[in-house]
Amino acid sequence: MKLFSLFFTSVCLLSSLLMADDIVKNDNISTKIFKIDDKQELFNSLKRVFFSSEHKNILDTNWTALHMSKRVTTGFIDIDIEEQSVIISSRNLDENGTKELSLEIYTTKNDEVTNFKSTNFLHKLFWNRLEFILGLENEWIDCYYMSQALGHNNHLLCSPKEQIALKERNLSTKL
């Protein structure tokens, strides 16, 4: 009887570990690790870049996440409402300012959610924007001249302008 109990407990623990592993894995989220002294100032810099680029953007932040969204309405008779969402969240890895930033990008159109995989161009584009503001990247990806951006030119990640980001980069040198 003890052997059966031990076997049953082992199977339950193993299955719960496998389920937890599946929950953590998500192909729609990309992550990067940065040394950032002031995460809130970083979020504020991103908010200023995205807000000043186009006032259609809605920006919300708290101490652990930044949510950017844009609503797009199309059509005359049959109206479609689309909401583009970009969520960046962070967690501290150590007390020296090392943080893991996670990125999720999705679109909701007429109550149907489309997630963009972590390998999608939009993930690459966001990390480029962030690294540009941090001074880690010198090249600004311009959506209008890249074939990878085809179909994404109306996305909120394509709306910021390099000049605005350069100004934020110069102001945010203390990050």
Protein backbone atom coordinates (compact mmCIF):
# COMPACT_ATOMS: atom_id res chain seq x y z
CA MET A 1 0.00 0.00 0.00
CA LYS A 2 2.86 2.39 0.81
CA LEU A 3 4.43 1.69 -2.55
CA PHE A 4 1.17 2.54 -4.33
CA SER A 5 0.85 5.79 -2.33
CA LEU A 6 4.42 6.74 -3.18
CA PHE A 7 3.84 5.96 -6.87
CA PHE A 8 0.55 7.92 -6.95
CA THR A 9 2.13 10.95 -5.21
CA SER A 10 5.08 10.88 -7.63
CA VAL A 11 2.78 10.80 -10.66
CA CYS A 12 0.72 13.71 -9.28
CA LEU A 13 3.84 15.80 -8.60
CA LEU A 14 5.30 15.05 -12.01
CA SER A 15 2.06 15.96 -13.79
CA SER A 16 1.76 19.22 -11.83
CA LEU A 17 5.35 20.13 -12.79
CA LEU A 18 4.62 19.42 -16.44
CA MET A 19 1.45 21.53 -16.30
CA ALA A 20 3.33 24.42 -14.64
CA ASP A 21 6.00 24.22 -17.35
CA ASP A 22 3.34 24.46 -20.07
CA ILE A 23 1.78 27.49 -18.40
CA VAL A 24 5.11 29.34 -18.28
CA LYS A 25 5.95 28.64 -21.93
CA ASN A 26 4.34 31.14 -24.25
CA ASP A 27 5.38 31.68 -27.87
CA ASN A 28 3.62 35.06 -27.89
CA ILE A 29 5.91 36.68 -25.31
CA SER A 30 9.47 37.78 -25.95
CA THR A 31 11.83 38.69 -23.11
CA LYS A 32 15.07 40.59 -22.75
CA ILE A 33 17.27 41.40 -19.79
CA PHE A 34 18.47 44.96 -19.17
CA LYS A 35 20.41 46.85 -16.53
CA ILE A 36 18.00 49.71 -15.79
CA ASP A 37 18.38 51.98 -12.77
CA ASP A 38 15.00 53.69 -12.97
CA LYS A 39 12.34 51.49 -14.59
CA GLN A 40 9.62 54.11 -14.11
CA GLU A 41 11.65 56.73 -16.00
CA LEU A 42 12.11 54.20 -18.80
CA PHE A 43 8.34 53.65 -18.94
CA ASN A 44 7.83 57.43 -18.92
CA SER A 45 10.26 57.86 -21.84
CA LEU A 46 8.41 55.21 -23.83
CA LYS A 47 5.09 56.86 -23.01
CA ARG A 48 6.34 60.24 -24.23
CA VAL A 49 7.64 58.77 -27.49
CA PHE A 50 4.43 56.89 -28.24
CA PHE A 51 2.06 59.60 -27.03
CA SER A 52 3.73 62.41 -28.91
CA SER A 53 3.80 60.39 -32.11
CA GLU A 54 0.05 60.09 -32.47
CA HIS A 55 -2.66 61.15 -30.03
CA LYS A 56 -4.76 58.10 -30.91
CA ASN A 57 -2.55 56.05 -28.58
CA ILE A 58 -3.75 55.20 -25.09
CA LEU A 59 -0.99 54.72 -22.53
CA ASP A 60 -1.30 53.32 -19.04
CA THR A 61 1.44 52.36 -16.62
CA ASN A 62 1.98 51.11 -13.12
CA TRP A 63 5.13 50.06 -11.25
CA THR A 64 5.46 46.73 -13.07
CA ALA A 65 3.91 47.18 -16.52
CA LEU A 66 3.25 49.56 -19.40
CA HIS A 67 0.20 49.03 -21.62
CA MET A 68 -0.01 50.89 -24.93
CA SER A 69 -3.04 50.60 -27.16
CA LYS A 70 -4.57 52.20 -30.22
CA ARG A 71 -8.14 51.99 -31.48
CA VAL A 72 -8.79 51.86 -35.19
CA THR A 73 -12.27 52.09 -36.72
CA THR A 74 -12.80 51.15 -40.36
CA GLY A 75 -15.78 50.84 -42.66
CA PHE A 76 -18.89 52.84 -43.48
CA ILE A 77 -21.82 50.48 -43.17
CA ASP A 78 -20.20 47.46 -41.56
CA ILE A 79 -17.92 49.08 -38.97
CA ASP A 80 -14.95 47.14 -37.65
CA ILE A 81 -13.28 48.16 -34.40
CA GLU A 82 -9.72 47.05 -33.85
CA GLU A 83 -7.62 47.60 -30.75
CA GLN A 84 -3.87 47.14 -31.00
CA SER A 85 -2.20 46.35 -27.68
CA VAL A 86 1.42 46.26 -26.58
CA ILE A 87 2.16 45.22 -23.01
CA ILE A 88 5.62 45.38 -21.51
CA SER A 89 6.04 44.07 -17.98
CA SER A 90 9.08 43.77 -15.80
CA ARG A 91 10.43 41.86 -12.88
CA ASN A 92 13.59 42.40 -10.87
CA LEU A 93 16.25 39.75 -11.24
CA ASP A 94 18.60 41.20 -8.63
CA GLU A 95 19.09 44.26 -6.45
CA ASN A 96 21.65 45.76 -8.87
CA GLY A 97 18.99 46.98 -11.31
CA THR A 98 18.95 43.94 -13.60
CA LYS A 99 15.41 43.52 -14.87
CA GLU A 100 13.70 41.07 -17.17
CA LEU A 101 11.31 42.83 -19.52
CA SER A 102 8.57 40.78 -21.18
CA LEU A 103 6.68 41.88 -24.27
CA GLU A 104 3.28 40.77 -25.51
CA ILE A 105 1.61 42.19 -28.64
CA TYR A 106 -1.92 41.39 -29.72
CA THR A 107 -4.82 42.82 -31.68
CA THR A 108 -8.51 42.54 -30.84
CA LYS A 109 -10.85 42.97 -33.80
CA ASN A 110 -14.58 42.46 -33.32
CA ASP A 111 -13.93 40.43 -30.15
CA GLU A 112 -11.42 38.14 -31.90
CA VAL A 113 -7.90 38.22 -30.43
CA THR A 114 -4.84 37.75 -32.61
CA ASN A 115 -1.53 37.28 -30.80
CA PHE A 116 1.74 38.11 -32.52
CA LYS A 117 4.38 35.44 -31.96
CA SER A 118 7.67 36.45 -30.36
CA THR A 119 9.36 35.90 -33.74
CA ASN A 120 7.08 38.47 -35.45
CA PHE A 121 8.53 41.69 -36.85
CA LEU A 122 6.56 43.77 -34.30
CA HIS A 123 8.50 42.24 -31.41
CA LYS A 124 11.79 43.07 -33.16
CA LEU A 125 10.49 46.58 -33.81
CA PHE A 126 9.55 47.23 -30.18
CA TRP A 127 12.90 46.01 -28.84
CA ASN A 128 14.60 48.26 -31.39
CA ARG A 129 12.57 51.24 -30.14
CA LEU A 130 13.44 50.48 -26.52
CA GLU A 131 17.14 49.87 -27.17
CA PHE A 132 17.29 53.07 -29.25
CA ILE A 133 15.89 55.10 -26.34
CA LEU A 134 18.34 53.40 -23.94
CA GLY A 135 21.25 54.26 -26.27
CA LEU A 136 22.03 50.58 -26.88
CA GLU A 137 21.01 50.74 -30.54
CA ASN A 138 22.03 53.44 -33.02
CA GLU A 139 19.85 52.37 -35.95
CA TRP A 140 16.16 53.30 -35.95
CA ILE A 141 13.99 50.85 -37.89
CA ASP A 142 11.66 52.81 -40.16
CA CYS A 143 8.52 50.81 -40.95
CA TYR A 144 7.87 52.55 -44.24
CA TYR A 145 11.08 51.31 -45.86
CA MET A 146 11.12 47.70 -44.67
CA SER A 147 9.49 44.80 -46.47
CA GLN A 148 9.05 43.00 -43.10
CA ALA A 149 6.74 45.80 -41.99
CA LEU A 150 4.34 45.22 -44.87
CA GLY A 151 0.88 44.99 -43.34
CA HIS A 152 2.02 46.60 -40.07
CA ASN A 153 2.42 50.23 -41.23
CA ASN A 154 -0.77 51.25 -39.42
CA HIS A 155 0.34 49.62 -36.16
CA LEU A 156 1.03 51.86 -33.16
CA LEU A 157 4.65 50.64 -33.05
CA CYS A 158 5.22 52.17 -36.50
CA SER A 159 3.88 55.60 -35.56
CA PRO A 160 6.77 57.04 -33.44
CA LYS A 161 9.23 59.28 -35.21
CA GLU A 162 13.00 59.00 -34.87
CA GLN A 163 13.42 62.69 -33.98
CA ILE A 164 11.09 62.36 -30.97
CA ALA A 165 12.90 59.22 -29.83
CA LEU A 166 16.27 60.96 -30.20
CA LYS A 167 15.05 63.78 -27.98
CA GLU A 168 13.88 61.26 -25.35
CA ARG A 169 17.17 59.41 -25.65
CA ASN A 170 19.10 62.59 -24.92
CA LEU A 171 16.83 63.35 -21.94
CA SER A 172 17.03 59.78 -20.62
CA THR A 173 20.81 59.42 -20.42
CA LYS A 174 20.50 58.85 -16.70
CA LEU A 175 18.82 55.45 -17.26
